[in-house]
Amino acid sequence: MLIPIVAVTLVITAAFGIVVTVIVLKKRKEGKLKETNYQAFFLMGICFLGLGIVFTTTINSGFFGFAILGLVYMSIGLANRDKWLKKKK
């Protein structure tokens, strides 16, 4: 009984991935993609790092992934600090 559930999940995930890929390629071809906001990556990293540390110590060590995700987001944001969007005055 488990095999059909796994197969359905894989098919839905693959279909979603194909749809997202087609949309992104279409927008890229039209030139409508926005510039990535790396400052938002950094801020999300701070939030996820704090969330992961708190959840790991209070609830379960399985939430350590949030802390790792926070570190990854922070490193992406800091690596591209020169591309942070400037605030308009």
PDB file of N, CA and C in Angstrom:
ATOM      1  N   MET A   1       0.814  -1.198   0.000  1.00  0.00           N
ATOM      2  CA  MET A   1       0.000   0.000   0.000  1.00  0.00           C
ATOM      3  C   MET A   1       0.857   1.260   0.000  1.00  0.00           C
ATOM      4  N   LEU A   2       2.080   1.167   0.474  1.00  0.00           N
ATOM      5  CA  LEU A   2       2.952   2.327   0.549  1.00  0.00           C
ATOM      6  C   LEU A   2       3.485   2.737  -0.824  1.00  0.00           C
ATOM      7  N   ILE A   3       3.681   1.785  -1.714  1.00  0.00           N
ATOM      8  CA  ILE A   3       4.268   2.075  -3.022  1.00  0.00           C
ATOM      9  C   ILE A   3       3.398   3.031  -3.847  1.00  0.00           C
ATOM     10  N   PRO A   4       2.081   2.875  -3.914  1.00  0.00           N
ATOM     11  CA  PRO A   4       1.287   3.839  -4.692  1.00  0.00           C
ATOM     12  C   PRO A   4       1.367   5.262  -4.136  1.00  0.00           C
ATOM     13  N   ILE A   5       1.447   5.407  -2.823  1.00  0.00           N
ATOM     14  CA  ILE A   5       1.545   6.738  -2.232  1.00  0.00           C
ATOM     15  C   ILE A   5       2.862   7.386  -2.641  1.00  0.00           C
ATOM     16  N   VAL A   6       3.932   6.630  -2.597  1.00  0.00           N
ATOM     17  CA  VAL A   6       5.246   7.156  -2.983  1.00  0.00           C
ATOM     18  C   VAL A   6       5.252   7.502  -4.465  1.00  0.00           C
ATOM     19  N   ALA A   7       4.675   6.649  -5.300  1.00  0.00           N
ATOM     20  CA  ALA A   7       4.636   6.908  -6.737  1.00  0.00           C
ATOM     21  C   ALA A   7       3.823   8.166  -7.048  1.00  0.00           C
ATOM     22  N   VAL A   8       2.694   8.323  -6.389  1.00  0.00           N
ATOM     23  CA  VAL A   8       1.856   9.505  -6.610  1.00  0.00           C
ATOM     24  C   VAL A   8       2.598  10.764  -6.161  1.00  0.00           C
ATOM     25  N   THR A   9       3.275  10.690  -5.033  1.00  0.00           N
ATOM     26  CA  THR A   9       4.041  11.834  -4.536  1.00  0.00           C
ATOM     27  C   THR A   9       5.152  12.216  -5.509  1.00  0.00           C
ATOM     28  N   LEU A  10       5.847  11.242  -6.037  1.00  0.00           N
ATOM     29  CA  LEU A  10       6.915  11.519  -6.999  1.00  0.00           C
ATOM     30  C   LEU A  10       6.370  12.126  -8.286  1.00  0.00           C
ATOM     31  N   VAL A  11       5.250  11.626  -8.762  1.00  0.00           N
ATOM     32  CA  VAL A  11       4.652  12.151  -9.989  1.00  0.00           C
ATOM     33  C   VAL A  11       4.195  13.593  -9.781  1.00  0.00           C
ATOM     34  N   ILE A  12       3.563  13.875  -8.654  1.00  0.00           N
ATOM     35  CA  ILE A  12       3.109  15.241  -8.380  1.00  0.00           C
ATOM     36  C   ILE A  12       4.297  16.180  -8.243  1.00  0.00           C
ATOM     37  N   THR A  13       5.345  15.748  -7.559  1.00  0.00           N
ATOM     38  CA  THR A  13       6.541  16.572  -7.401  1.00  0.00           C
ATOM     39  C   THR A  13       7.207  16.838  -8.745  1.00  0.00           C
ATOM     40  N   ALA A  14       7.303  15.824  -9.589  1.00  0.00           N
ATOM     41  CA  ALA A  14       7.902  15.995 -10.910  1.00  0.00           C
ATOM     42  C   ALA A  14       7.068  16.941 -11.769  1.00  0.00           C
ATOM     43  N   ALA A  15       5.748  16.807 -11.720  1.00  0.00           N
ATOM     44  CA  ALA A  15       4.881  17.687 -12.505  1.00  0.00           C
ATOM     45  C   ALA A  15       5.011  19.134 -12.028  1.00  0.00           C
ATOM     46  N   PHE A  16       5.059  19.339 -10.726  1.00  0.00           N
ATOM     47  CA  PHE A  16       5.238  20.684 -10.181  1.00  0.00           C
ATOM     48  C   PHE A  16       6.582  21.267 -10.605  1.00  0.00           C
ATOM     49  N   GLY A  17       7.628  20.462 -10.564  1.00  0.00           N
ATOM     50  CA  GLY A  17       8.950  20.916 -10.997  1.00  0.00           C
ATOM     51  C   GLY A  17       8.980  21.305 -12.464  1.00  0.00           C
ATOM     52  N   ILE A  18       8.315  20.542 -13.294  1.00  0.00           N
ATOM     53  CA  ILE A  18       8.265  20.848 -14.726  1.00  0.00           C
ATOM     54  C   ILE A  18       7.520  22.160 -14.965  1.00  0.00           C
ATOM     55  N   VAL A  19       6.401  22.345 -14.271  1.00  0.00           N
ATOM     56  CA  VAL A  19       5.617  23.584 -14.432  1.00  0.00           C
ATOM     57  C   VAL A  19       6.438  24.794 -13.996  1.00  0.00           C
ATOM     58  N   VAL A  20       7.115  24.699 -12.858  1.00  0.00           N
ATOM     59  CA  VAL A  20       7.935  25.811 -12.372  1.00  0.00           C
ATOM     60  C   VAL A  20       9.078  26.097 -13.345  1.00  0.00           C
ATOM     61  N   THR A  21       9.705  25.059 -13.869  1.00  0.00           N
ATOM     62  CA  THR A  21      10.792  25.240 -14.828  1.00  0.00           C
ATOM     63  C   THR A  21      10.312  25.939 -16.087  1.00  0.00           C
ATOM     64  N   VAL A  22       9.158  25.553 -16.598  1.00  0.00           N
ATOM     65  CA  VAL A  22       8.610  26.187 -17.798  1.00  0.00           C
ATOM     66  C   VAL A  22       8.311  27.666 -17.536  1.00  0.00           C
ATOM     67  N   ILE A  23       7.736  27.967 -16.382  1.00  0.00           N
ATOM     68  CA  ILE A  23       7.417  29.367 -16.059  1.00  0.00           C
ATOM     69  C   ILE A  23       8.685  30.201 -15.939  1.00  0.00           C
ATOM     70  N   VAL A  24       9.691  29.673 -15.260  1.00  0.00           N
ATOM     71  CA  VAL A  24      10.939  30.420 -15.089  1.00  0.00           C
ATOM     72  C   VAL A  24      11.633  30.636 -16.429  1.00  0.00           C
ATOM     73  N   LEU A  25      11.696  29.613 -17.262  1.00  0.00           N
ATOM     74  CA  LEU A  25      12.328  29.763 -18.576  1.00  0.00           C
ATOM     75  C   LEU A  25      11.579  30.767 -19.449  1.00  0.00           C
ATOM     76  N   LYS A  26      10.255  30.763 -19.347  1.00  0.00           N
ATOM     77  CA  LYS A  26       9.455  31.707 -20.128  1.00  0.00           C
ATOM     78  C   LYS A  26       9.717  33.144 -19.668  1.00  0.00           C
ATOM     79  N   LYS A  27       9.767  33.370 -18.361  1.00  0.00           N
ATOM     80  CA  LYS A  27      10.030  34.718 -17.851  1.00  0.00           C
ATOM     81  C   LYS A  27      11.455  35.153 -18.168  1.00  0.00           C
ATOM     82  N   ARG A  28      12.386  34.220 -18.104  1.00  0.00           N
ATOM     83  CA  ARG A  28      13.773  34.562 -18.425  1.00  0.00           C
ATOM     84  C   ARG A  28      13.901  34.963 -19.883  1.00  0.00           C
ATOM     85  N   LYS A  29      13.178  34.268 -20.760  1.00  0.00           N
ATOM     86  CA  LYS A  29      13.219  34.578 -22.183  1.00  0.00           C
ATOM     87  C   LYS A  29      12.621  35.956 -22.459  1.00  0.00           C
ATOM     88  N   GLU A  30      11.567  36.315 -21.727  1.00  0.00           N
ATOM     89  CA  GLU A  30      10.927  37.611 -21.902  1.00  0.00           C
ATOM     90  C   GLU A  30      11.682  38.723 -21.181  1.00  0.00           C
ATOM     91  N   GLY A  31      12.612  38.381 -20.334  1.00  0.00           N
ATOM     92  CA  GLY A  31      13.391  39.374 -19.605  1.00  0.00           C
ATOM     93  C   GLY A  31      12.642  39.988 -18.439  1.00  0.00           C
ATOM     94  N   LYS A  32      11.699  39.268 -17.857  1.00  0.00           N
ATOM     95  CA  LYS A  32      10.886  39.807 -16.776  1.00  0.00           C
ATOM     96  C   LYS A  32      11.333  39.330 -15.391  1.00  0.00           C
ATOM     97  N   LEU A  33      12.449  38.637 -15.306  1.00  0.00           N
ATOM     98  CA  LEU A  33      12.913  38.181 -14.000  1.00  0.00           C
ATOM     99  C   LEU A  33      13.463  39.358 -13.204  1.00  0.00           C
ATOM    100  N   LYS A  34      13.082  39.416 -11.937  1.00  0.00           N
ATOM    101  CA  LYS A  34      13.577  40.473 -11.069  1.00  0.00           C
ATOM    102  C   LYS A  34      14.937  40.082 -10.520  1.00  0.00           C
ATOM    103  N   GLU A  35      15.690  41.084 -10.098  1.00  0.00           N
ATOM    104  CA  GLU A  35      16.993  40.837  -9.494  1.00  0.00           C
ATOM    105  C   GLU A  35      16.778  40.222  -8.108  1.00  0.00           C
ATOM    106  N   THR A  36      17.616  39.281  -7.755  1.00  0.00           N
ATOM    107  CA  THR A  36      17.506  38.605  -6.472  1.00  0.00           C
ATOM    108  C   THR A  36      17.863  39.559  -5.341  1.00  0.00           C
ATOM    109  N   ASN A  37      17.059  39.552  -4.292  1.00  0.00           N
ATOM    110  CA  ASN A  37      17.295  40.396  -3.134  1.00  0.00           C
ATOM    111  C   ASN A  37      18.108  39.586  -2.117  1.00  0.00           C
ATOM    112  N   TYR A  38      19.420  39.732  -2.163  1.00  0.00           N
ATOM    113  CA  TYR A  38      20.285  38.960  -1.291  1.00  0.00           C
ATOM    114  C   TYR A  38      20.230  39.443   0.148  1.00  0.00           C
ATOM    115  N   GLN A  39      19.794  40.662   0.371  1.00  0.00           N
ATOM    116  CA  GLN A  39      19.634  41.153   1.732  1.00  0.00           C
ATOM    117  C   GLN A  39      18.507  40.384   2.431  1.00  0.00           C
ATOM    118  N   ALA A  40      17.482  40.022   1.685  1.00  0.00           N
ATOM    119  CA  ALA A  40      16.395  39.224   2.241  1.00  0.00           C
ATOM    120  C   ALA A  40      16.883  37.829   2.617  1.00  0.00           C
ATOM    121  N   PHE A  41      17.798  37.263   1.824  1.00  0.00           N
ATOM    122  CA  PHE A  41      18.390  35.972   2.180  1.00  0.00           C
ATOM    123  C   PHE A  41      19.094  36.081   3.532  1.00  0.00           C
ATOM    124  N   PHE A  42      19.841  37.154   3.729  1.00  0.00           N
ATOM    125  CA  PHE A  42      20.569  37.338   4.977  1.00  0.00           C
ATOM    126  C   PHE A  42      19.606  37.453   6.163  1.00  0.00           C
ATOM    127  N   LEU A  43      18.546  38.243   6.003  1.00  0.00           N
ATOM    128  CA  LEU A  43      17.574  38.413   7.084  1.00  0.00           C
ATOM    129  C   LEU A  43      16.820  37.120   7.380  1.00  0.00           C
ATOM    130  N   MET A  44      16.463  36.371   6.344  1.00  0.00           N
ATOM    131  CA  MET A  44      15.816  35.086   6.565  1.00  0.00           C
ATOM    132  C   MET A  44      16.769  34.125   7.273  1.00  0.00           C
ATOM    133  N   GLY A  45      18.053  34.211   6.951  1.00  0.00           N
ATOM    134  CA  GLY A  45      19.035  33.371   7.611  1.00  0.00           C
ATOM    135  C   GLY A  45      19.113  33.651   9.093  1.00  0.00           C
ATOM    136  N   ILE A  46      19.067  34.921   9.463  1.00  0.00           N
ATOM    137  CA  ILE A  46      19.082  35.273  10.882  1.00  0.00           C
ATOM    138  C   ILE A  46      17.859  34.682  11.582  1.00  0.00           C
ATOM    139  N   CYS A  47      16.694  34.797  10.948  1.00  0.00           N
ATOM    140  CA  CYS A  47      15.456  34.269  11.539  1.00  0.00           C
ATOM    141  C   CYS A  47      15.500  32.753  11.671  1.00  0.00           C
ATOM    142  N   PHE A  48      15.910  32.074  10.615  1.00  0.00           N
ATOM    143  CA  PHE A  48      15.957  30.612  10.663  1.00  0.00           C
ATOM    144  C   PHE A  48      17.012  30.108  11.643  1.00  0.00           C
ATOM    145  N   LEU A  49      18.118  30.802  11.758  1.00  0.00           N
ATOM    146  CA  LEU A  49      19.147  30.397  12.709  1.00  0.00           C
ATOM    147  C   LEU A  49      18.614  30.492  14.134  1.00  0.00           C
ATOM    148  N   GLY A  50      17.987  31.613  14.457  1.00  0.00           N
ATOM    149  CA  GLY A  50      17.408  31.757  15.795  1.00  0.00           C
ATOM    150  C   GLY A  50      16.313  30.739  16.059  1.00  0.00           C
ATOM    151  N   LEU A  51      15.449  30.542  15.077  1.00  0.00           N
ATOM    152  CA  LEU A  51      14.370  29.572  15.202  1.00  0.00           C
ATOM    153  C   LEU A  51      14.924  28.167  15.418  1.00  0.00           C
ATOM    154  N   GLY A  52      15.943  27.814  14.659  1.00  0.00           N
ATOM    155  CA  GLY A  52      16.533  26.487  14.783  1.00  0.00           C
ATOM    156  C   GLY A  52      17.189  26.257  16.131  1.00  0.00           C
ATOM    157  N   ILE A  53      17.877  27.263  16.637  1.00  0.00           N
ATOM    158  CA  ILE A  53      18.531  27.116  17.935  1.00  0.00           C
ATOM    159  C   ILE A  53      17.487  26.965  19.044  1.00  0.00           C
ATOM    160  N   VAL A  54      16.461  27.809  19.016  1.00  0.00           N
ATOM    161  CA  VAL A  54      15.419  27.736  20.054  1.00  0.00           C
ATOM    162  C   VAL A  54      14.669  26.412  19.983  1.00  0.00           C
ATOM    163  N   PHE A  55      14.239  26.005  18.789  1.00  0.00           N
ATOM    164  CA  PHE A  55      13.495  24.753  18.660  1.00  0.00           C
ATOM    165  C   PHE A  55      14.353  23.543  19.008  1.00  0.00           C
ATOM    166  N   THR A  56      15.637  23.578  18.671  1.00  0.00           N
ATOM    167  CA  THR A  56      16.515  22.450  18.975  1.00  0.00           C
ATOM    168  C   THR A  56      16.682  22.290  20.477  1.00  0.00           C
ATOM    169  N   THR A  57      16.832  23.374  21.193  1.00  0.00           N
ATOM    170  CA  THR A  57      17.044  23.271  22.632  1.00  0.00           C
ATOM    171  C   THR A  57      15.762  23.001  23.408  1.00  0.00           C
ATOM    172  N   THR A  58      14.617  23.472  22.908  1.00  0.00           N
ATOM    173  CA  THR A  58      13.384  23.319  23.680  1.00  0.00           C
ATOM    174  C   THR A  58      12.513  22.144  23.250  1.00  0.00           C
ATOM    175  N   ILE A  59      12.473  21.847  21.970  1.00  0.00           N
ATOM    176  CA  ILE A  59      11.515  20.844  21.500  1.00  0.00           C
ATOM    177  C   ILE A  59      12.204  19.523  21.160  1.00  0.00           C
ATOM    178  N   ASN A  60      13.049  19.553  20.116  1.00  0.00           N
ATOM    179  CA  ASN A  60      13.602  18.305  19.606  1.00  0.00           C
ATOM    180  C   ASN A  60      14.856  18.633  18.816  1.00  0.00           C
ATOM    181  N   SER A  61      15.822  17.751  18.853  1.00  0.00           N
ATOM    182  CA  SER A  61      17.061  18.001  18.111  1.00  0.00           C
ATOM    183  C   SER A  61      16.857  17.869  16.603  1.00  0.00           C
ATOM    184  N   GLY A  62      15.715  17.398  16.164  1.00  0.00           N
ATOM    185  CA  GLY A  62      15.415  17.286  14.744  1.00  0.00           C
ATOM    186  C   GLY A  62      15.254  18.638  14.066  1.00  0.00           C
ATOM    187  N   PHE A  63      15.048  19.678  14.852  1.00  0.00           N
ATOM    188  CA  PHE A  63      14.897  21.019  14.308  1.00  0.00           C
ATOM    189  C   PHE A  63      16.243  21.684  14.035  1.00  0.00           C
ATOM    190  N   PHE A  64      17.323  20.941  14.194  1.00  0.00           N
ATOM    191  CA  PHE A  64      18.653  21.488  13.931  1.00  0.00           C
ATOM    192  C   PHE A  64      18.801  21.888  12.467  1.00  0.00           C
ATOM    193  N   GLY A  65      17.986  21.310  11.593  1.00  0.00           N
ATOM    194  CA  GLY A  65      18.007  21.648  10.172  1.00  0.00           C
ATOM    195  C   GLY A  65      17.666  23.108   9.924  1.00  0.00           C
ATOM    196  N   PHE A  66      16.803  23.687  10.760  1.00  0.00           N
ATOM    197  CA  PHE A  66      16.482  25.109  10.622  1.00  0.00           C
ATOM    198  C   PHE A  66      17.720  25.971  10.857  1.00  0.00           C
ATOM    199  N   ALA A  67      18.525  25.579  11.841  1.00  0.00           N
ATOM    200  CA  ALA A  67      19.747  26.334  12.120  1.00  0.00           C
ATOM    201  C   ALA A  67      20.718  26.225  10.944  1.00  0.00           C
ATOM    202  N   ILE A  68      20.840  25.044  10.370  1.00  0.00           N
ATOM    203  CA  ILE A  68      21.714  24.856   9.208  1.00  0.00           C
ATOM    204  C   ILE A  68      21.202  25.674   8.027  1.00  0.00           C
ATOM    205  N   LEU A  69      19.884  25.643   7.806  1.00  0.00           N
ATOM    206  CA  LEU A  69      19.294  26.436   6.721  1.00  0.00           C
ATOM    207  C   LEU A  69      19.553  27.918   6.942  1.00  0.00           C
ATOM    208  N   GLY A  70      19.472  28.357   8.194  1.00  0.00           N
ATOM    209  CA  GLY A  70      19.769  29.746   8.510  1.00  0.00           C
ATOM    210  C   GLY A  70      21.208  30.106   8.188  1.00  0.00           C
ATOM    211  N   LEU A  71      22.139  29.225   8.501  1.00  0.00           N
ATOM    212  CA  LEU A  71      23.539  29.482   8.177  1.00  0.00           C
ATOM    213  C   LEU A  71      23.765  29.539   6.669  1.00  0.00           C
ATOM    214  N   VAL A  72      23.085  28.673   5.942  1.00  0.00           N
ATOM    215  CA  VAL A  72      23.218  28.667   4.478  1.00  0.00           C
ATOM    216  C   VAL A  72      22.675  29.965   3.891  1.00  0.00           C
ATOM    217  N   TYR A  73      21.482  30.376   4.346  1.00  0.00           N
ATOM    218  CA  TYR A  73      20.903  31.627   3.845  1.00  0.00           C
ATOM    219  C   TYR A  73      21.772  32.825   4.191  1.00  0.00           C
ATOM    220  N   MET A  74      22.309  32.842   5.406  1.00  0.00           N
ATOM    221  CA  MET A  74      23.171  33.959   5.790  1.00  0.00           C
ATOM    222  C   MET A  74      24.430  34.007   4.934  1.00  0.00           C
ATOM    223  N   SER A  75      25.004  32.837   4.650  1.00  0.00           N
ATOM    224  CA  SER A  75      26.218  32.818   3.837  1.00  0.00           C
ATOM    225  C   SER A  75      25.932  33.249   2.401  1.00  0.00           C
ATOM    226  N   ILE A  76      24.762  32.880   1.857  1.00  0.00           N
ATOM    227  CA  ILE A  76      24.391  33.332   0.513  1.00  0.00           C
ATOM    228  C   ILE A  76      24.246  34.853   0.505  1.00  0.00           C
ATOM    229  N   GLY A  77      23.593  35.388   1.523  1.00  0.00           N
ATOM    230  CA  GLY A  77      23.402  36.834   1.605  1.00  0.00           C
ATOM    231  C   GLY A  77      24.707  37.586   1.768  1.00  0.00           C
ATOM    232  N   LEU A  78      25.594  37.072   2.608  1.00  0.00           N
ATOM    233  CA  LEU A  78      26.872  37.754   2.830  1.00  0.00           C
ATOM    234  C   LEU A  78      27.815  37.616   1.639  1.00  0.00           C
ATOM    235  N   ALA A  79      27.749  36.491   0.951  1.00  0.00           N
ATOM    236  CA  ALA A  79      28.615  36.305  -0.211  1.00  0.00           C
ATOM    237  C   ALA A  79      28.256  37.271  -1.337  1.00  0.00           C
ATOM    238  N   ASN A  80      27.009  37.694  -1.364  1.00  0.00           N
ATOM    239  CA  ASN A  80      26.545  38.616  -2.407  1.00  0.00           C
ATOM    240  C   ASN A  80      26.187  39.969  -1.817  1.00  0.00           C
ATOM    241  N   ARG A  81      26.927  40.398  -0.815  1.00  0.00           N
ATOM    242  CA  ARG A  81      26.613  41.655  -0.148  1.00  0.00           C
ATOM    243  C   ARG A  81      26.715  42.849  -1.091  1.00  0.00           C
ATOM    244  N   ASP A  82      27.577  42.774  -2.072  1.00  0.00           N
ATOM    245  CA  ASP A  82      27.709  43.881  -3.017  1.00  0.00           C
ATOM    246  C   ASP A  82      26.473  44.030  -3.908  1.00  0.00           C
ATOM    247  N   LYS A  83      25.614  43.019  -3.938  1.00  0.00           N
ATOM    248  CA  LYS A  83      24.416  43.060  -4.776  1.00  0.00           C
ATOM    249  C   LYS A  83      23.151  43.373  -3.977  1.00  0.00           C
ATOM    250  N   TRP A  84      23.302  43.738  -2.701  1.00  0.00           N
ATOM    251  CA  TRP A  84      22.131  44.072  -1.898  1.00  0.00           C
ATOM    252  C   TRP A  84      21.433  45.267  -2.510  1.00  0.00           C
ATOM    253  N   LEU A  85      20.120  45.261  -2.470  1.00  0.00           N
ATOM    254  CA  LEU A  85      19.347  46.363  -3.039  1.00  0.00           C
ATOM    255  C   LEU A  85      19.509  47.599  -2.154  1.00  0.00           C
ATOM    256  N   LYS A  86      19.758  48.700  -2.786  1.00  0.00           N
ATOM    257  CA  LYS A  86      19.941  49.959  -2.077  1.00  0.00           C
ATOM    258  C   LYS A  86      18.588  50.563  -1.748  1.00  0.00           C
ATOM    259  N   LYS A  87      18.471  51.143  -0.565  1.00  0.00           N
ATOM    260  CA  LYS A  87      17.221  51.803  -0.185  1.00  0.00           C
ATOM    261  C   LYS A  87      17.125  53.158  -0.884  1.00  0.00           C
ATOM    262  N   LYS A  88      15.948  53.447  -1.400  1.00  0.00           N
ATOM    263  CA  LYS A  88      15.728  54.733  -2.076  1.00  0.00           C
ATOM    264  C   LYS A  88      15.429  55.782  -1.018  1.00  0.00           C
ATOM    265  N   LYS A  89      16.061  56.931  -1.150  1.00  0.00           N
ATOM    266  CA  LYS A  89      15.853  58.002  -0.173  1.00  0.00           C
ATOM    267  C   LYS A  89      14.808  58.975  -0.655  1.00  0.00           C
TER     268      LYS A  89
END
